[in-house]
PDB file of N, CA and C in Angstrom:
ATOM      1  N   MET A   1     251.861 110.827 104.315  1.00  0.00           N
ATOM      2  CA  MET A   1     251.232 110.790 103.128  1.00  0.00           C
ATOM      3  C   MET A   1     251.516 112.055 102.244  1.00  0.00           C
ATOM      4  N   ALA A   2     251.947 111.827 101.124  1.00  0.00           N
ATOM      5  CA  ALA A   2     252.297 113.082 100.176  1.00  0.00           C
ATOM      6  C   ALA A   2     250.994 113.734  99.614  1.00  0.00           C
ATOM      7  N   HIS A   3     251.135 114.997  99.536  1.00  0.00           N
ATOM      8  CA  HIS A   3     250.064 115.819  98.868  1.00  0.00           C
ATOM      9  C   HIS A   3     250.183 115.646  97.326  1.00  0.00           C
ATOM     10  N   PRO A   4     249.156 115.421  96.610  1.00  0.00           N
ATOM     11  CA  PRO A   4     249.433 115.216  95.183  1.00  0.00           C
ATOM     12  C   PRO A   4     249.962 116.319  94.389  1.00  0.00           C
ATOM     13  N   ALA A   5     249.738 117.503  94.881  1.00  0.00           N
ATOM     14  CA  ALA A   5     250.264 118.644  94.073  1.00  0.00           C
ATOM     15  C   ALA A   5     251.728 118.945  94.321  1.00  0.00           C
ATOM     16  N   TRP A   6     252.344 118.254  95.420  1.00  0.00           N
ATOM     17  CA  TRP A   6     253.696 118.545  95.753  1.00  0.00           C
ATOM     18  C   TRP A   6     254.656 117.789  94.921  1.00  0.00           C
ATOM     19  N   GLY A   7     254.383 116.854  94.156  1.00  0.00           N
ATOM     20  CA  GLY A   7     255.353 116.246  93.312  1.00  0.00           C
ATOM     21  C   GLY A   7     256.298 115.289  94.074  1.00  0.00           C
ATOM     22  N   CYS A   8     257.288 115.830  94.789  1.00  0.00           N
ATOM     23  CA  CYS A   8     258.411 115.047  95.459  1.00  0.00           C
ATOM     24  C   CYS A   8     257.830 114.453  96.828  1.00  0.00           C
ATOM     25  N   GLY A   9     256.800 114.957  97.307  1.00  0.00           N
ATOM     26  CA  GLY A   9     256.201 114.475  98.497  1.00  0.00           C
ATOM     27  C   GLY A   9     256.848 114.950  99.919  1.00  0.00           C
ATOM     28  N   SER A  10     257.714 115.976  99.743  1.00  0.00           N
ATOM     29  CA  SER A  10     258.420 116.731 100.875  1.00  0.00           C
ATOM     30  C   SER A  10     257.484 117.568 101.594  1.00  0.00           C
ATOM     31  N   THR A  11     257.700 117.655 102.963  1.00  0.00           N
ATOM     32  CA  THR A  11     256.881 118.483 103.817  1.00  0.00           C
ATOM     33  C   THR A  11     257.773 119.734 104.102  1.00  0.00           C
ATOM     34  N   ASP A  12     258.876 119.948 103.500  1.00  0.00           N
ATOM     35  CA  ASP A  12     259.825 120.927 103.702  1.00  0.00           C
ATOM     36  C   ASP A  12     259.604 122.109 102.644  1.00  0.00           C
ATOM     37  N   VAL A  13     258.459 122.884 102.822  1.00  0.00           N
ATOM     38  CA  VAL A  13     258.029 123.955 101.808  1.00  0.00           C
ATOM     39  C   VAL A  13     258.049 125.102 102.370  1.00  0.00           C
ATOM     40  N   GLN A  14     258.067 126.242 101.685  1.00  0.00           N
ATOM     41  CA  GLN A  14     257.885 127.647 102.190  1.00  0.00           C
ATOM     42  C   GLN A  14     257.048 128.430 101.255  1.00  0.00           C
ATOM     43  N   LEU A  15     256.253 129.414 101.850  1.00  0.00           N
ATOM     44  CA  LEU A  15     255.361 130.199 101.144  1.00  0.00           C
ATOM     45  C   LEU A  15     256.283 131.255 100.486  1.00  0.00           C
ATOM     46  N   ILE A  16     256.157 131.554  99.230  1.00  0.00           N
ATOM     47  CA  ILE A  16     256.877 132.489  98.689  1.00  0.00           C
ATOM     48  C   ILE A  16     256.157 133.768  97.968  1.00  0.00           C
ATOM     49  N   GLY A  17     254.802 133.600  98.015  1.00  0.00           N
ATOM     50  CA  GLY A  17     253.999 134.731  97.452  1.00  0.00           C
ATOM     51  C   GLY A  17     252.597 134.499  97.491  1.00  0.00           C
ATOM     52  N   GLY A  18     251.831 135.504  97.237  1.00  0.00           N
ATOM     53  CA  GLY A  18     250.359 135.413  97.121  1.00  0.00           C
ATOM     54  C   GLY A  18     249.769 136.706  97.515  1.00  0.00           C
ATOM     55  N   LYS A  19     248.422 136.771  97.250  1.00  0.00           N
ATOM     56  CA  LYS A  19     247.657 137.998  97.598  1.00  0.00           C
ATOM     57  C   LYS A  19     247.054 137.783  98.964  1.00  0.00           C
ATOM     58  N   THR A  20     246.900 138.838  99.716  1.00  0.00           N
ATOM     59  CA  THR A  20     246.257 138.843 101.046  1.00  0.00           C
ATOM     60  C   THR A  20     245.104 139.804 101.088  1.00  0.00           C
ATOM     61  N   LYS A  21     244.076 139.485 101.917  1.00  0.00           N
ATOM     62  CA  LYS A  21     242.877 140.400 101.965  1.00  0.00           C
ATOM     63  C   LYS A  21     243.009 141.015 103.387  1.00  0.00           C
ATOM     64  N   THR A  22     242.773 142.332 103.503  1.00  0.00           N
ATOM     65  CA  THR A  22     242.853 142.988 104.683  1.00  0.00           C
ATOM     66  C   THR A  22     241.472 143.377 105.021  1.00  0.00           C
ATOM     67  N   THR A  23     240.997 143.187 106.362  1.00  0.00           N
ATOM     68  CA  THR A  23     239.690 143.651 106.743  1.00  0.00           C
ATOM     69  C   THR A  23     239.739 144.229 108.091  1.00  0.00           C
ATOM     70  N   LEU A  24     238.872 145.149 108.472  1.00  0.00           N
ATOM     71  CA  LEU A  24     238.810 145.751 109.797  1.00  0.00           C
ATOM     72  C   LEU A  24     238.384 144.623 110.835  1.00  0.00           C
ATOM     73  N   ASN A  25     239.015 144.848 112.050  1.00  0.00           N
ATOM     74  CA  ASN A  25     238.556 143.868 113.153  1.00  0.00           C
ATOM     75  C   ASN A  25     237.342 144.467 113.871  1.00  0.00           C
ATOM     76  N   LEU A  26     236.352 143.439 113.841  1.00  0.00           N
ATOM     77  CA  LEU A  26     235.002 143.962 114.456  1.00  0.00           C
ATOM     78  C   LEU A  26     234.798 143.273 115.736  1.00  0.00           C
ATOM     79  N   ASN A  27     235.829 142.499 116.288  1.00  0.00           N
ATOM     80  CA  ASN A  27     235.676 141.644 117.463  1.00  0.00           C
ATOM     81  C   ASN A  27     236.097 142.813 118.750  1.00  0.00           C
ATOM     82  N   PRO A  28     235.027 143.090 119.520  1.00  0.00           N
ATOM     83  CA  PRO A  28     235.217 143.867 120.675  1.00  0.00           C
ATOM     84  C   PRO A  28     236.106 143.251 121.785  1.00  0.00           C
ATOM     85  N   LEU A  29     236.275 141.913 121.737  1.00  0.00           N
ATOM     86  CA  LEU A  29     237.066 141.398 122.671  1.00  0.00           C
ATOM     87  C   LEU A  29     238.626 141.390 122.447  1.00  0.00           C
ATOM     88  N   LYS A  30     238.932 141.926 121.198  1.00  0.00           N
ATOM     89  CA  LYS A  30     240.432 142.190 120.891  1.00  0.00           C
ATOM     90  C   LYS A  30     240.580 143.605 120.423  1.00  0.00           C
ATOM     91  N   PRO A  31     240.650 144.528 121.449  1.00  0.00           N
ATOM     92  CA  PRO A  31     240.617 145.916 121.167  1.00  0.00           C
ATOM     93  C   PRO A  31     241.883 146.383 120.459  1.00  0.00           C
ATOM     94  N   PHE A  32     243.040 145.763 120.602  1.00  0.00           N
ATOM     95  CA  PHE A  32     244.312 146.195 120.061  1.00  0.00           C
ATOM     96  C   PHE A  32     244.610 145.726 118.717  1.00  0.00           C
ATOM     97  N   THR A  33     243.763 144.753 118.050  1.00  0.00           N
ATOM     98  CA  THR A  33     243.887 144.190 116.785  1.00  0.00           C
ATOM     99  C   THR A  33     243.000 145.180 115.869  1.00  0.00           C
ATOM    100  N   LEU A  34     243.590 146.008 115.126  1.00  0.00           N
ATOM    101  CA  LEU A  34     242.827 146.963 114.222  1.00  0.00           C
ATOM    102  C   LEU A  34     242.451 146.267 112.942  1.00  0.00           C
ATOM    103  N   VAL A  35     243.302 145.522 112.301  1.00  0.00           N
ATOM    104  CA  VAL A  35     242.924 144.881 111.121  1.00  0.00           C
ATOM    105  C   VAL A  35     243.327 143.323 111.087  1.00  0.00           C
ATOM    106  N   ASN A  36     242.747 142.649 110.263  1.00  0.00           N
ATOM    107  CA  ASN A  36     242.837 141.160 110.118  1.00  0.00           C
ATOM    108  C   ASN A  36     243.381 140.967 108.661  1.00  0.00           C
ATOM    109  N   HIS A  37     244.382 140.119 108.480  1.00  0.00           N
ATOM    110  CA  HIS A  37     245.038 139.605 107.182  1.00  0.00           C
ATOM    111  C   HIS A  37     244.849 138.286 107.030  1.00  0.00           C
ATOM    112  N   LYS A  38     244.356 137.910 105.815  1.00  0.00           N
ATOM    113  CA  LYS A  38     244.034 136.613 105.464  1.00  0.00           C
ATOM    114  C   LYS A  38     244.536 136.241 104.003  1.00  0.00           C
ATOM    115  N   PRO A  39     245.033 135.150 103.750  1.00  0.00           N
ATOM    116  CA  PRO A  39     245.356 134.777 102.252  1.00  0.00           C
ATOM    117  C   PRO A  39     244.218 134.738 101.404  1.00  0.00           C
ATOM    118  N   ALA A  40     244.305 135.301 100.152  1.00  0.00           N
ATOM    119  CA  ALA A  40     243.201 135.257  99.309  1.00  0.00           C
ATOM    120  C   ALA A  40     243.659 134.716  97.904  1.00  0.00           C
ATOM    121  N   GLY A  41     242.776 133.835  97.428  1.00  0.00           N
ATOM    122  CA  GLY A  41     243.098 133.348  96.093  1.00  0.00           C
ATOM    123  C   GLY A  41     244.177 132.244  96.256  1.00  0.00           C
ATOM    124  N   LYS A  42     245.099 132.097  95.152  1.00  0.00           N
ATOM    125  CA  LYS A  42     246.103 131.152  95.161  1.00  0.00           C
ATOM    126  C   LYS A  42     247.384 131.640  95.760  1.00  0.00           C
ATOM    127  N   GLN A  43     248.215 130.781  96.523  1.00  0.00           N
ATOM    128  CA  GLN A  43     249.411 131.042  97.086  1.00  0.00           C
ATOM    129  C   GLN A  43     250.472 130.244  96.360  1.00  0.00           C
ATOM    130  N   LYS A  44     251.647 130.861  96.375  1.00  0.00           N
ATOM    131  CA  LYS A  44     252.826 130.143  95.690  1.00  0.00           C
ATOM    132  C   LYS A  44     253.737 129.600  96.737  1.00  0.00           C
ATOM    133  N   PHE A  45     254.105 128.292  96.500  1.00  0.00           N
ATOM    134  CA  PHE A  45     254.899 127.685  97.460  1.00  0.00           C
ATOM    135  C   PHE A  45     256.092 127.171  96.619  1.00  0.00           C
ATOM    136  N   MET A  46     257.294 126.873  97.458  1.00  0.00           N
ATOM    137  CA  MET A  46     258.504 126.338  96.796  1.00  0.00           C
ATOM    138  C   MET A  46     258.934 125.172  97.775  1.00  0.00           C
ATOM    139  N   CYS A  47     259.342 124.071  97.013  1.00  0.00           N
ATOM    140  CA  CYS A  47     259.903 123.006  97.868  1.00  0.00           C
ATOM    141  C   CYS A  47     261.295 123.253  98.179  1.00  0.00           C
ATOM    142  N   ASN A  48     261.750 123.142  99.389  1.00  0.00           N
ATOM    143  CA  ASN A  48     263.268 123.352  99.788  1.00  0.00           C
ATOM    144  C   ASN A  48     264.146 122.394  99.360  1.00  0.00           C
ATOM    145  N   LYS A  49     263.479 121.011  99.051  1.00  0.00           N
ATOM    146  CA  LYS A  49     264.565 119.930  98.655  1.00  0.00           C
ATOM    147  C   LYS A  49     264.697 119.935  97.170  1.00  0.00           C
ATOM    148  N   CYS A  50     263.646 120.010  96.457  1.00  0.00           N
ATOM    149  CA  CYS A  50     263.852 119.765  94.948  1.00  0.00           C
ATOM    150  C   CYS A  50     263.713 121.190  94.131  1.00  0.00           C
ATOM    151  N   GLY A  51     263.273 122.259  94.747  1.00  0.00           N
ATOM    152  CA  GLY A  51     263.131 123.547  94.211  1.00  0.00           C
ATOM    153  C   GLY A  51     261.811 123.848  93.385  1.00  0.00           C
ATOM    154  N   LYS A  52     260.952 122.773  93.375  1.00  0.00           N
ATOM    155  CA  LYS A  52     259.635 122.949  92.558  1.00  0.00           C
ATOM    156  C   LYS A  52     258.927 124.020  93.059  1.00  0.00           C
ATOM    157  N   VAL A  53     258.258 124.797  92.233  1.00  0.00           N
ATOM    158  CA  VAL A  53     257.430 125.992  92.584  1.00  0.00           C
ATOM    159  C   VAL A  53     256.082 125.620  92.024  1.00  0.00           C
ATOM    160  N   TRP A  54     254.869 125.822  92.873  1.00  0.00           N
ATOM    161  CA  TRP A  54     253.572 125.524  92.440  1.00  0.00           C
ATOM    162  C   TRP A  54     252.673 126.570  93.209  1.00  0.00           C
ATOM    163  N   GLU A  55     251.370 126.685  92.577  1.00  0.00           N
ATOM    164  CA  GLU A  55     250.397 127.561  93.130  1.00  0.00           C
ATOM    165  C   GLU A  55     249.315 126.627  93.697  1.00  0.00           C
ATOM    166  N   GLN A  56     248.681 126.953  94.820  1.00  0.00           N
ATOM    167  CA  GLN A  56     247.684 126.139  95.500  1.00  0.00           C
ATOM    168  C   GLN A  56     246.727 127.094  96.322  1.00  0.00           C
ATOM    169  N   LYS A  57     245.492 126.829  96.145  1.00  0.00           N
ATOM    170  CA  LYS A  57     244.608 127.569  97.042  1.00  0.00           C
ATOM    171  C   LYS A  57     244.497 127.111  98.386  1.00  0.00           C
ATOM    172  N   ILE A  58     244.626 127.930  99.371  1.00  0.00           N
ATOM    173  CA  ILE A  58     244.586 127.603 100.718  1.00  0.00           C
ATOM    174  C   ILE A  58     243.147 127.612 101.316  1.00  0.00           C
TER     175      ILE A  58
END
């Protein structure tokens, strides 16, 4: 099933940009992980088949 925002319906896409949010790790069970990185806001994707570029919130 194709995603409506993808246009061509391909699943061959790549992430080409977007903002990330960095926070300190507060989990005592993972002592070697100092910070966590998560995508924030809209991310930019590109279809590898047709070349279409779009933004989507993850």
